[in-house]
C-alpha cells in the first residue's frame, strides 16, 4: 500500500482488504484514563532531534534484513505481516533519511556506508523494466511483487522518488572515502539506467506504468497537479534517456490548464488536479520536494514556495474551521494526507485525507513533513504529539501512522512513505541539507532550466 492518487484512480481495494483483516484494529482500549500523564517535556531542539531520530529508525532498525531497503509497512502487533515487501519510492525516501542520520550523528557513518552498499547492490540486481523498478519488490531476491494484477512491471513515479534519493546520495558521498565514492558511482549508474524516454510511448507525455505482460494497459498519463512533478524533472535531467521538454508543458501542465483560479480560506489554490479545483492531501507538497527545493523556484506556471505554503495553510485552516466538527482538531492537532484510516466499521483501511474527504483522522506526517512551510504550526503539532500524547501515539519508530481523537482510535502501524518524509523535510527546515544536495547536481539544474524553471535560491 502506498500513495493515493494514481491520477485520481484508487488501486487500493485489494490492499485495503488485506490491511483490514491483518493485525489489530488499532483501537486504543487502555483502561488508564490518562495514560499520557506526567510525560517529561522536551525542548523544541530536543523534539526536532527526537522526531528525526525516531523516523530514521524505520529505515535503520526495521529495514529488510537482506536488501536493507524499506519495508512497505510495519505492524507493531504483527511484524511478520508482509515482511518481505519492500517499496521502491519509500526506499528512496529512506536513502535520504539515512543521509540525515549520518549528518546528525544518529547512525554510524561506517555502518551506513556498508548498508547502503548492500542496498544499492540489491537494486542493481533487482527486476527492472526498461530501467524502472516496480512499485514493490521481494526483499529477499529482488523479484517484482505485483502491486495489482496488471501492475507487475515498471513504476516510473516510484522510480523517480528513488532516483531523487540516489542523486542526493551521490552528491553526499562523492568526495568521501574510497568506499563512499564507490557508493556515489553505484547511485549514479543506477539512476542513469532508467529509460525515461521509453515511458513516453513516443508521445509528448510520461506514462506511469509499463508491464511486459500487459504493456501500457494501465495507461496512466502523468498530468498535473499531484505528487508526480519530480518524474518530469528526472526525465528532463537524464543525460542518457531524456524526455522532450514539450512533454512537461503539454502533458503535465496541460498547455497551461494546470493553473487555476479561486482560493480557500483566503489562500490562492494556484494549481488544479486534472481540471478539478480540489485541495489535495499534503503528500503532494512533500514527495517531489524532499530534494527539489521550492524556495525561490518558479516557472511560467507558479511560484512553488507559494504553492506549497498555501497548500499547507489551507489544510491547517480547514482543521481549525473543522466543518465536520471532529473532536480534537485544534491549532496543535491537525494534518491531512494519505495514510491508514479508520473505516466506518472500526477496522483499519487506507485513504487519502483532504478537505473534501476528511474522515476525522490525523496523519502525523502531514504536519511534521510540512515543517519548512509552516514552522510555527508544525512545531505546535510536534510538541502535542511528543509532549502530550507520547505514551499512546508514539511508538518504536516515531508517531504512529494515523489517529483520531474523535473516535479514540490510533493504529500501531507504519508506512514507509509516511515515515520517510519526516526526517528529510525537518532537515530541510533546519539546514536545507537535502535541498542543497539535490539542487547542486548539474543534471538537475540543466533539466530544470530546460523545462523553464529558475531558482533564486540556487542561482539559475
Protein backbone atom coordinates (compact mmCIF):
# COMPACT_ATOMS: atom_id res chain seq x y z
CA UNK A 1 0.00 0.00 0.00
CA UNK A 2 1.42 3.37 -0.90
CA UNK A 3 0.46 6.79 -2.25
CA UNK A 4 -3.08 7.57 -3.29
CA UNK A 5 -3.59 9.37 -6.49
CA UNK A 6 -2.58 7.16 -9.44
CA UNK A 7 -4.01 10.06 -11.46
CA UNK A 8 -7.06 10.10 -9.24
CA UNK A 9 -7.81 6.37 -9.52
CA UNK A 10 -7.65 4.29 -6.37
CA UNK A 11 -5.81 0.99 -6.75
CA UNK A 12 -6.02 0.01 -3.12
CA UNK A 13 -9.21 -2.03 -2.83
CA UNK A 14 -7.46 -5.39 -2.57
CA UNK A 15 -4.69 -3.94 -0.45
CA UNK A 16 -7.08 -2.31 1.99
CA UNK A 17 -8.92 -5.60 2.41
CA UNK A 18 -5.61 -7.20 3.33
CA UNK A 19 -4.83 -4.42 5.79
CA UNK A 20 -8.28 -4.64 7.32
CA UNK A 21 -8.03 -8.37 8.01
CA UNK A 22 -4.49 -8.42 9.32
CA UNK A 23 -3.09 -7.14 12.58
CA UNK A 24 -5.09 -5.36 15.26
CA UNK A 25 -7.88 -2.91 14.66
CA UNK A 26 -5.60 -0.24 16.04
CA UNK A 27 -8.03 0.93 18.69
CA UNK A 28 -6.70 2.33 21.94
CA UNK A 29 -8.54 0.35 24.60
CA UNK A 30 -6.32 1.15 27.54
CA UNK A 31 -8.06 1.25 30.90
CA UNK A 32 -5.89 4.07 32.15
CA UNK A 33 -7.99 7.23 31.90
CA UNK A 34 -4.92 9.38 31.41
CA UNK A 35 -2.05 7.28 30.02
CA UNK A 36 -0.15 10.39 28.96
CA UNK A 37 0.04 11.97 32.39
CA UNK A 38 3.42 13.19 33.64
CA UNK A 39 5.32 12.88 30.34
CA UNK A 40 8.75 14.53 30.63
CA UNK A 41 8.69 17.65 28.49
CA UNK A 42 11.26 18.13 25.72
CA UNK A 43 12.60 21.41 24.39
CA UNK A 44 11.98 22.34 20.77
CA UNK A 45 15.54 21.40 19.80
CA UNK A 46 15.19 18.07 21.59
CA UNK A 47 11.86 17.49 19.86
CA UNK A 48 13.30 18.10 16.40
CA UNK A 49 16.15 15.69 17.12
CA UNK A 50 13.79 13.11 18.57
CA UNK A 51 11.34 13.27 15.65
CA UNK A 52 14.12 12.81 13.12
CA UNK A 53 15.90 10.08 15.05
CA UNK A 54 12.68 8.14 15.59
CA UNK A 55 11.60 8.34 11.93
CA UNK A 56 15.04 7.18 10.78
CA UNK A 57 14.64 4.05 12.91
CA UNK A 58 12.04 2.81 10.43
CA UNK A 59 14.74 2.64 7.75
CA UNK A 60 17.52 1.56 10.07
CA UNK A 61 16.17 -0.77 12.75
CA UNK A 62 13.27 -2.13 10.69
CA UNK A 63 14.77 -2.27 7.20
CA UNK A 64 14.53 -5.56 5.33
CA UNK A 65 17.37 -7.74 6.68
CA UNK A 66 18.59 -8.90 3.25
CA UNK A 67 18.11 -5.93 0.93
CA UNK A 68 18.45 -3.20 3.59
CA UNK A 69 15.67 -1.39 1.73
CA UNK A 70 12.46 -0.09 3.29
CA UNK A 71 9.60 -2.43 4.04
CA UNK A 72 6.35 -1.14 2.63
CA UNK A 73 4.70 -1.27 6.04
CA UNK A 74 5.33 -2.42 9.57
CA UNK A 75 2.64 -3.57 12.01
CA UNK A 76 3.86 -3.30 15.59
CA UNK A 77 1.43 -6.01 16.73
CA UNK A 78 2.13 -8.26 13.71
CA UNK A 79 5.71 -7.66 12.50
CA UNK A 80 5.70 -10.71 10.22
CA UNK A 81 2.84 -9.30 8.14
CA UNK A 82 4.08 -8.61 4.58
CA UNK A 83 7.62 -8.60 5.95
CA UNK A 84 9.27 -9.25 2.57
CA UNK A 85 7.52 -6.49 0.61
CA UNK A 86 9.97 -3.64 0.03
CA UNK A 87 8.90 -0.43 -1.63
CA UNK A 88 10.79 1.47 -4.31
CA UNK A 89 9.61 5.00 -3.53
CA UNK A 90 9.74 4.52 0.23
CA UNK A 91 13.28 3.21 -0.13
CA UNK A 92 14.22 6.41 -1.95
CA UNK A 93 12.87 8.37 1.00
CA UNK A 94 14.81 6.00 3.24
CA UNK A 95 18.09 6.80 1.47
CA UNK A 96 17.50 10.46 2.19
CA UNK A 97 16.56 9.70 5.78
CA UNK A 98 19.83 7.81 6.27
CA UNK A 99 21.76 10.80 4.90
CA UNK A 100 20.13 12.86 7.65
CA UNK A 101 21.02 10.17 10.18
CA UNK A 102 24.67 10.26 9.17
CA UNK A 103 24.80 14.05 9.11
CA UNK A 104 23.19 14.35 12.55
CA UNK A 105 25.25 11.54 14.06
CA UNK A 106 22.21 9.37 14.72
CA UNK A 107 23.74 6.44 12.81
CA UNK A 108 27.31 5.31 12.27
CA UNK A 109 28.79 6.63 9.04
CA UNK A 110 30.81 3.45 8.60
CA UNK A 111 27.80 1.21 9.11
CA UNK A 112 25.71 3.44 6.86
CA UNK A 113 28.23 3.01 4.05
CA UNK A 114 28.10 -0.76 4.50
CA UNK A 115 24.30 -0.88 4.50
CA UNK A 116 23.99 1.46 1.54
CA UNK A 117 26.43 -0.65 -0.44
CA UNK A 118 24.22 -3.67 0.20
CA UNK A 119 21.06 -1.75 -0.74
CA UNK A 120 22.46 -0.36 -3.99
CA UNK A 121 23.89 -3.74 -4.99
CA UNK A 122 20.45 -5.21 -4.40
CA UNK A 123 18.91 -2.55 -6.66
CA UNK A 124 21.47 -3.38 -9.34
CA UNK A 125 20.28 -6.97 -9.44
CA UNK A 126 16.56 -6.44 -8.81
CA UNK A 127 13.90 -6.67 -11.52
CA UNK A 128 13.82 -3.61 -13.76
CA UNK A 129 11.63 -2.80 -16.72
CA UNK A 130 13.35 -0.54 -19.24
CA UNK A 131 15.34 0.72 -16.28
CA UNK A 132 12.39 1.40 -13.98
CA UNK A 133 11.88 -0.57 -10.81
CA UNK A 134 8.46 -1.93 -9.86
CA UNK A 135 6.40 -0.45 -7.08
CA UNK A 136 7.06 -3.47 -4.88
CA UNK A 137 9.89 -5.99 -4.77
CA UNK A 138 10.62 -9.08 -2.76
CA UNK A 139 13.30 -8.00 -0.30
CA UNK A 140 14.98 -11.39 -0.36
CA UNK A 141 15.52 -11.76 -4.13
CA UNK A 142 14.55 -8.54 -5.91
CA UNK A 143 11.71 -10.09 -7.87
CA UNK A 144 8.69 -7.96 -8.67
CA UNK A 145 5.69 -8.31 -6.37
CA UNK A 146 2.65 -7.12 -8.33
CA UNK A 147 1.02 -4.00 -6.93
CA UNK A 148 -2.08 -5.12 -8.81
CA UNK A 149 -2.88 -7.75 -11.40
CA UNK A 150 -1.77 -5.63 -14.36
CA UNK A 151 0.68 -3.51 -12.32
CA UNK A 152 3.55 -6.01 -12.37
CA UNK A 153 6.21 -4.04 -14.24
CA UNK A 154 7.93 -0.71 -14.13
CA UNK A 155 6.53 2.09 -11.98
CA UNK A 156 8.05 5.35 -13.19
CA UNK A 157 6.78 7.54 -10.34
CA UNK A 158 8.11 5.25 -7.63
CA UNK A 159 11.35 5.11 -9.63
CA UNK A 160 11.51 8.91 -9.68
CA UNK A 161 11.18 9.02 -5.89
CA UNK A 162 14.03 6.52 -5.66
CA UNK A 163 16.19 8.48 -8.12
CA UNK A 164 15.68 11.66 -6.11
CA UNK A 165 17.32 9.75 -3.26
CA UNK A 166 20.05 8.26 -5.45
CA UNK A 167 21.13 11.67 -6.71
CA UNK A 168 21.17 13.06 -3.17
CA UNK A 169 23.22 10.05 -2.06
CA UNK A 170 25.69 10.55 -4.90
CA UNK A 171 26.17 14.20 -4.04
CA UNK A 172 26.61 13.48 -0.35
CA UNK A 173 29.28 10.80 -0.73
CA UNK A 174 31.04 11.74 -3.99
CA UNK A 175 34.04 13.38 -2.29
CA UNK A 176 34.37 10.90 0.56
CA UNK A 177 36.45 7.79 1.16
CA UNK A 178 37.08 5.15 -1.47
CA UNK A 179 34.07 3.20 -0.19
CA UNK A 180 31.90 6.32 -0.21
CA UNK A 181 32.95 7.23 -3.72
CA UNK A 182 32.01 3.70 -4.78
CA UNK A 183 28.51 4.27 -3.38
CA UNK A 184 28.30 7.54 -5.28
CA UNK A 185 29.27 5.77 -8.50
CA UNK A 186 26.71 3.00 -7.94
CA UNK A 187 24.00 5.57 -7.33
CA UNK A 188 24.97 7.44 -10.47
CA UNK A 189 24.92 4.31 -12.61
CA UNK A 190 21.56 3.23 -11.22
CA UNK A 191 19.69 6.42 -11.91
CA UNK A 192 21.24 6.85 -15.35
CA UNK A 193 19.94 3.39 -16.28
CA UNK A 194 16.30 4.50 -16.18
CA UNK A 195 14.81 4.75 -19.68
CA UNK A 196 12.59 7.75 -19.07
CA UNK A 197 12.09 8.18 -22.81
CA UNK A 198 10.61 4.67 -23.11
CA UNK A 199 7.80 5.75 -20.79
CA UNK A 200 6.65 8.44 -23.23
CA UNK A 201 5.20 5.86 -25.65
CA UNK A 202 6.64 8.14 -28.32
CA UNK A 203 4.36 10.99 -27.24
CA UNK A 204 4.95 14.31 -25.53
CA UNK A 205 3.94 12.82 -22.20
CA UNK A 206 5.13 10.45 -19.50
CA UNK A 207 3.18 7.35 -18.50
CA UNK A 208 3.23 5.80 -15.06
CA UNK A 209 3.46 2.06 -15.82
CA UNK A 210 4.71 -0.48 -18.28
CA UNK A 211 4.36 -4.25 -17.93
CA UNK A 212 5.97 -6.96 -20.05
CA UNK A 213 2.69 -8.89 -19.78
CA UNK A 214 0.14 -6.08 -20.06
CA UNK A 215 2.16 -3.42 -21.87
CA UNK A 216 0.52 0.02 -21.45
CA UNK A 217 -2.85 -1.32 -20.30
CA UNK A 218 -3.00 0.88 -17.19
CA UNK A 219 -2.48 3.92 -19.44
CA UNK A 220 -1.95 6.48 -16.67
CA UNK A 221 -0.65 9.63 -18.26
CA UNK A 222 1.14 11.88 -15.77
CA UNK A 223 -0.89 15.07 -15.74
CA UNK A 224 -0.71 17.69 -13.03
CA UNK A 225 -1.17 18.57 -10.40
CA UNK A 226 -0.36 15.85 -7.88
CA UNK A 227 2.77 14.25 -6.37
CA UNK A 228 4.39 13.39 -9.71
CA UNK A 229 6.27 16.61 -10.59
CA UNK A 230 9.62 15.03 -9.73
CA UNK A 231 9.09 12.46 -12.51
CA UNK A 232 9.22 15.13 -15.20
CA UNK A 233 12.21 16.76 -13.50
CA UNK A 234 14.08 13.45 -13.52
CA UNK A 235 13.12 12.77 -17.12
CA UNK A 236 14.33 16.18 -18.22
CA UNK A 237 17.53 15.83 -16.18
CA UNK A 238 18.53 12.42 -17.54
CA UNK A 239 21.77 12.59 -19.59
CA UNK A 240 21.13 9.12 -21.02
CA UNK A 241 17.37 8.88 -21.69
CA UNK A 242 15.90 12.41 -21.61
CA UNK A 243 12.28 13.16 -22.38
CA UNK A 244 11.16 16.02 -24.64
CA UNK A 245 10.72 19.31 -22.83
CA UNK A 246 7.36 19.61 -24.57
CA UNK A 247 6.09 16.65 -22.53
CA UNK A 248 6.18 18.76 -19.38
CA UNK A 249 4.20 21.58 -20.93
CA UNK A 250 1.76 19.56 -22.98
CA UNK A 251 1.02 16.70 -20.59
CA UNK A 252 1.91 17.74 -17.06
CA UNK A 253 0.90 21.41 -17.35
CA UNK A 254 -1.84 20.56 -19.89
CA UNK A 255 -0.82 23.50 -22.05
CA UNK A 256 -1.34 25.86 -19.10
CA UNK A 257 -4.66 24.42 -17.95
CA UNK A 258 -2.95 23.28 -14.73
CA UNK A 259 -3.26 26.85 -13.43
CA UNK A 260 -6.46 27.52 -11.55
CA UNK A 261 -8.30 30.44 -10.06
CA UNK A 262 -10.03 30.58 -6.75
CA UNK A 263 -8.87 30.23 -3.20
CA UNK A 264 -9.64 28.50 0.05
CA UNK A 265 -9.58 30.22 3.43
CA UNK A 266 -8.06 33.24 1.69
CA UNK A 267 -5.12 31.35 0.15
CA UNK A 268 -4.90 31.01 -3.67
CA UNK A 269 -5.01 27.38 -4.79
CA UNK A 270 -2.68 28.11 -7.78
CA UNK A 271 -2.96 24.64 -9.40
CA UNK A 272 -5.82 22.26 -10.08
CA UNK A 273 -5.81 18.47 -10.26
CA UNK A 274 -6.63 17.29 -13.77
CA UNK A 275 -9.11 20.13 -14.17
CA UNK A 276 -10.71 19.70 -10.74
CA UNK A 277 -10.10 22.56 -8.33
CA UNK A 278 -9.52 20.49 -5.20
CA UNK A 279 -7.05 20.84 -2.37
CA UNK A 280 -5.24 17.53 -2.30
CA UNK A 281 -3.63 15.57 0.53
CA UNK A 282 -0.44 17.03 1.98
CA UNK A 283 1.87 14.48 0.38
CA UNK A 284 1.57 16.49 -2.84
CA UNK A 285 3.76 19.10 -1.10
CA UNK A 286 6.23 16.50 0.21
CA UNK A 287 7.11 13.64 -2.16
CA UNK A 288 8.55 15.72 -5.00
CA UNK A 289 10.15 18.21 -2.62
CA UNK A 290 12.42 16.12 -0.45
CA UNK A 291 15.18 17.11 -2.86
CA UNK A 292 13.54 19.59 -5.22
CA UNK A 293 13.88 22.92 -3.43
CA UNK A 294 10.75 25.09 -3.75
CA UNK A 295 12.44 28.13 -2.21
CA UNK A 296 12.66 30.72 -4.98
CA UNK A 297 11.68 28.09 -7.55
CA UNK A 298 9.40 29.27 -10.34
CA UNK A 299 8.39 28.63 -13.91
CA UNK A 300 5.75 30.13 -16.17
CA UNK A 301 3.01 28.44 -14.16
CA UNK A 302 3.76 29.04 -10.48
CA UNK A 303 5.95 30.19 -7.63
CA UNK A 304 6.49 26.81 -5.98
CA UNK A 305 7.16 28.07 -2.49
CA UNK A 306 3.80 29.86 -2.54
CA UNK A 307 2.16 26.74 -3.95
CA UNK A 308 3.31 24.55 -1.06
CA UNK A 309 2.88 27.11 1.70
CA UNK A 310 -0.66 27.86 0.54
CA UNK A 311 -1.47 24.16 0.32
CA UNK A 312 -0.28 23.61 3.87
CA UNK A 313 -2.08 26.64 5.28
CA UNK A 314 -5.32 25.62 3.60
CA UNK A 315 -5.11 22.19 5.26
CA UNK A 316 -4.26 23.85 8.57
CA UNK A 317 -7.14 26.32 8.33
CA UNK A 318 -9.54 23.57 7.33
CA UNK A 319 -8.66 21.74 10.55
CA UNK A 320 -9.23 24.95 12.54
CA UNK A 321 -12.59 25.68 10.95
CA UNK A 322 -13.39 21.97 11.34
CA UNK A 323 -16.54 21.94 9.22
CA UNK A 324 -17.39 18.35 10.20
CA UNK A 325 -16.93 19.12 13.91
CA UNK A 326 -14.47 16.35 14.71
CA UNK A 327 -13.41 16.20 18.33
CA UNK A 328 -9.75 17.04 18.88
CA UNK A 329 -9.00 19.21 15.84
CA UNK A 330 -7.15 22.31 17.02
CA UNK A 331 -4.22 24.60 16.28
CA UNK A 332 -1.92 21.89 17.66
CA UNK A 333 -3.70 18.81 16.28
CA UNK A 334 -4.03 18.99 12.51
CA UNK A 335 -2.84 17.46 9.25
CA UNK A 336 -4.50 15.55 6.41
CA UNK A 337 -2.72 13.28 3.96
CA UNK A 338 -2.87 9.72 2.63
CA UNK A 339 -2.40 7.23 5.44
CA UNK A 340 -4.03 4.42 7.31
CA UNK A 341 -7.57 5.32 8.29
CA UNK A 342 -10.44 4.19 10.47
CA UNK A 343 -13.22 2.61 8.45
CA UNK A 344 -16.84 3.15 9.41
CA UNK A 345 -16.98 -0.33 10.97
CA UNK A 346 -13.95 0.40 13.14
CA UNK A 347 -11.47 -1.62 11.08
CA UNK A 348 -8.28 -0.18 9.66
CA UNK A 349 -8.03 0.76 5.97
CA UNK A 350 -6.25 3.31 3.83
CA UNK A 351 -7.48 6.64 2.46
CA UNK A 352 -6.33 9.98 1.13
CA UNK A 353 -7.46 12.53 3.71
CA UNK A 354 -8.09 16.03 2.37
CA UNK A 355 -10.70 18.76 2.89
CA UNK A 356 -13.19 17.10 0.55
CA UNK A 357 -12.54 13.70 2.13
CA UNK A 358 -11.98 14.44 5.81
CA UNK A 359 -12.72 11.40 7.95
CA UNK A 360 -11.63 12.78 11.30
CA UNK A 361 -8.25 11.07 11.00
CA UNK A 362 -5.00 12.97 11.60
CA UNK A 363 -1.80 11.73 9.94
CA UNK A 364 1.28 12.97 11.86
CA UNK A 365 3.48 13.03 8.76
CA UNK A 366 1.26 15.76 7.28
CA UNK A 367 2.19 18.40 9.84
CA UNK A 368 5.69 17.14 10.64
CA UNK A 369 6.80 16.97 6.99
CA UNK A 370 5.40 20.47 6.45
CA UNK A 371 7.88 21.97 8.92
CA UNK A 372 9.60 24.12 6.24
CA UNK A 373 6.28 25.61 5.11
CA UNK A 374 4.53 26.22 8.43
CA UNK A 375 7.18 26.06 11.16
CA UNK A 376 5.04 27.51 13.95
CA UNK A 377 2.02 25.36 13.21
CA UNK A 378 4.13 22.24 12.68
CA UNK A 379 6.08 22.82 15.90
CA UNK A 380 2.81 23.03 17.81
CA UNK A 381 1.88 19.63 16.44
CA UNK A 382 5.32 18.23 17.26
CA UNK A 383 5.00 19.43 20.87
CA UNK A 384 1.49 17.98 21.05
CA UNK A 385 2.36 14.53 19.77
CA UNK A 386 5.53 14.09 21.86
CA UNK A 387 4.85 16.21 24.95
CA UNK A 388 1.16 15.36 25.37
CA UNK A 389 0.45 12.08 23.56
CA UNK A 390 3.79 10.28 23.57
CA UNK A 391 2.71 7.21 25.54
CA UNK A 392 -0.21 6.37 23.25
CA UNK A 393 0.57 7.96 19.88
CA UNK A 394 4.34 7.49 19.53
CA UNK A 395 5.95 4.09 19.14
CA UNK A 396 9.12 2.32 18.11
CA UNK A 397 9.73 4.45 15.01
CA UNK A 398 8.07 7.74 15.85
CA UNK A 399 4.43 8.77 15.77
CA UNK A 400 2.13 6.02 14.60
CA UNK A 401 0.80 6.48 11.10
CA UNK A 402 -2.66 7.82 11.96
CA UNK A 403 -5.04 8.54 14.81
CA UNK A 404 -8.44 10.01 15.56
CA UNK A 405 -9.24 11.71 18.85
CA UNK A 406 -12.84 11.83 17.70
CA UNK A 407 -13.07 8.03 17.63
CA UNK A 408 -10.45 7.38 20.34
CA UNK A 409 -8.50 5.43 17.73
CA UNK A 410 -4.81 5.04 16.93
CA UNK A 411 -3.24 2.47 14.62
CA UNK A 412 0.03 0.92 15.74
CA UNK A 413 1.30 0.72 12.18
CA UNK A 414 3.80 2.50 9.97
CA UNK A 415 4.10 3.14 6.25
CA UNK A 416 7.46 3.80 4.61
CA UNK A 417 6.23 6.70 2.51
CA UNK A 418 4.80 8.44 5.56
CA UNK A 419 7.75 7.94 7.91
CA UNK A 420 10.15 8.62 5.04
CA UNK A 421 9.32 12.29 4.52
CA UNK A 422 9.63 13.32 8.17
CA UNK A 423 13.40 13.37 8.75
CA UNK A 424 14.31 14.85 5.33
CA UNK A 425 11.72 17.64 5.48
CA UNK A 426 12.57 18.54 9.06
CA UNK A 427 16.21 18.62 8.00
CA UNK A 428 15.37 20.88 5.07
CA UNK A 429 13.74 23.20 7.59
CA UNK A 430 16.77 23.06 9.88
CA UNK A 431 19.64 23.21 7.38
CA UNK A 432 18.40 22.79 3.81
CA UNK A 433 20.66 19.72 3.55
CA UNK A 434 18.69 17.57 1.09
CA UNK A 435 17.54 20.56 -0.94
CA UNK A 436 21.12 21.74 -1.34
CA UNK A 437 22.46 18.29 -2.24
CA UNK A 438 19.84 17.61 -4.89
CA UNK A 439 19.85 21.06 -6.42
CA UNK A 440 23.65 21.14 -6.74
CA UNK A 441 23.56 18.17 -9.13
CA UNK A 442 24.44 19.57 -12.56
CA UNK A 443 21.92 17.35 -14.37
CA UNK A 444 19.12 18.60 -12.13
CA UNK A 445 19.98 22.22 -12.81
CA UNK A 446 20.14 21.58 -16.56
CA UNK A 447 16.87 19.65 -16.54
CA UNK A 448 15.04 22.35 -14.62
CA UNK A 449 16.38 25.06 -16.89
CA UNK A 450 15.33 23.06 -19.96
CA UNK A 451 11.79 22.96 -18.58
CA UNK A 452 11.78 26.71 -17.99
CA UNK A 453 12.43 26.78 -14.25
CA UNK A 454 14.53 29.34 -12.44
CA UNK A 455 15.76 29.33 -8.85
CA UNK A 456 16.83 32.45 -6.99
CA UNK A 457 17.94 30.21 -4.11
CA UNK A 458 20.36 28.26 -6.31
CA UNK A 459 21.44 30.92 -8.79
CA UNK A 460 19.81 29.98 -12.07
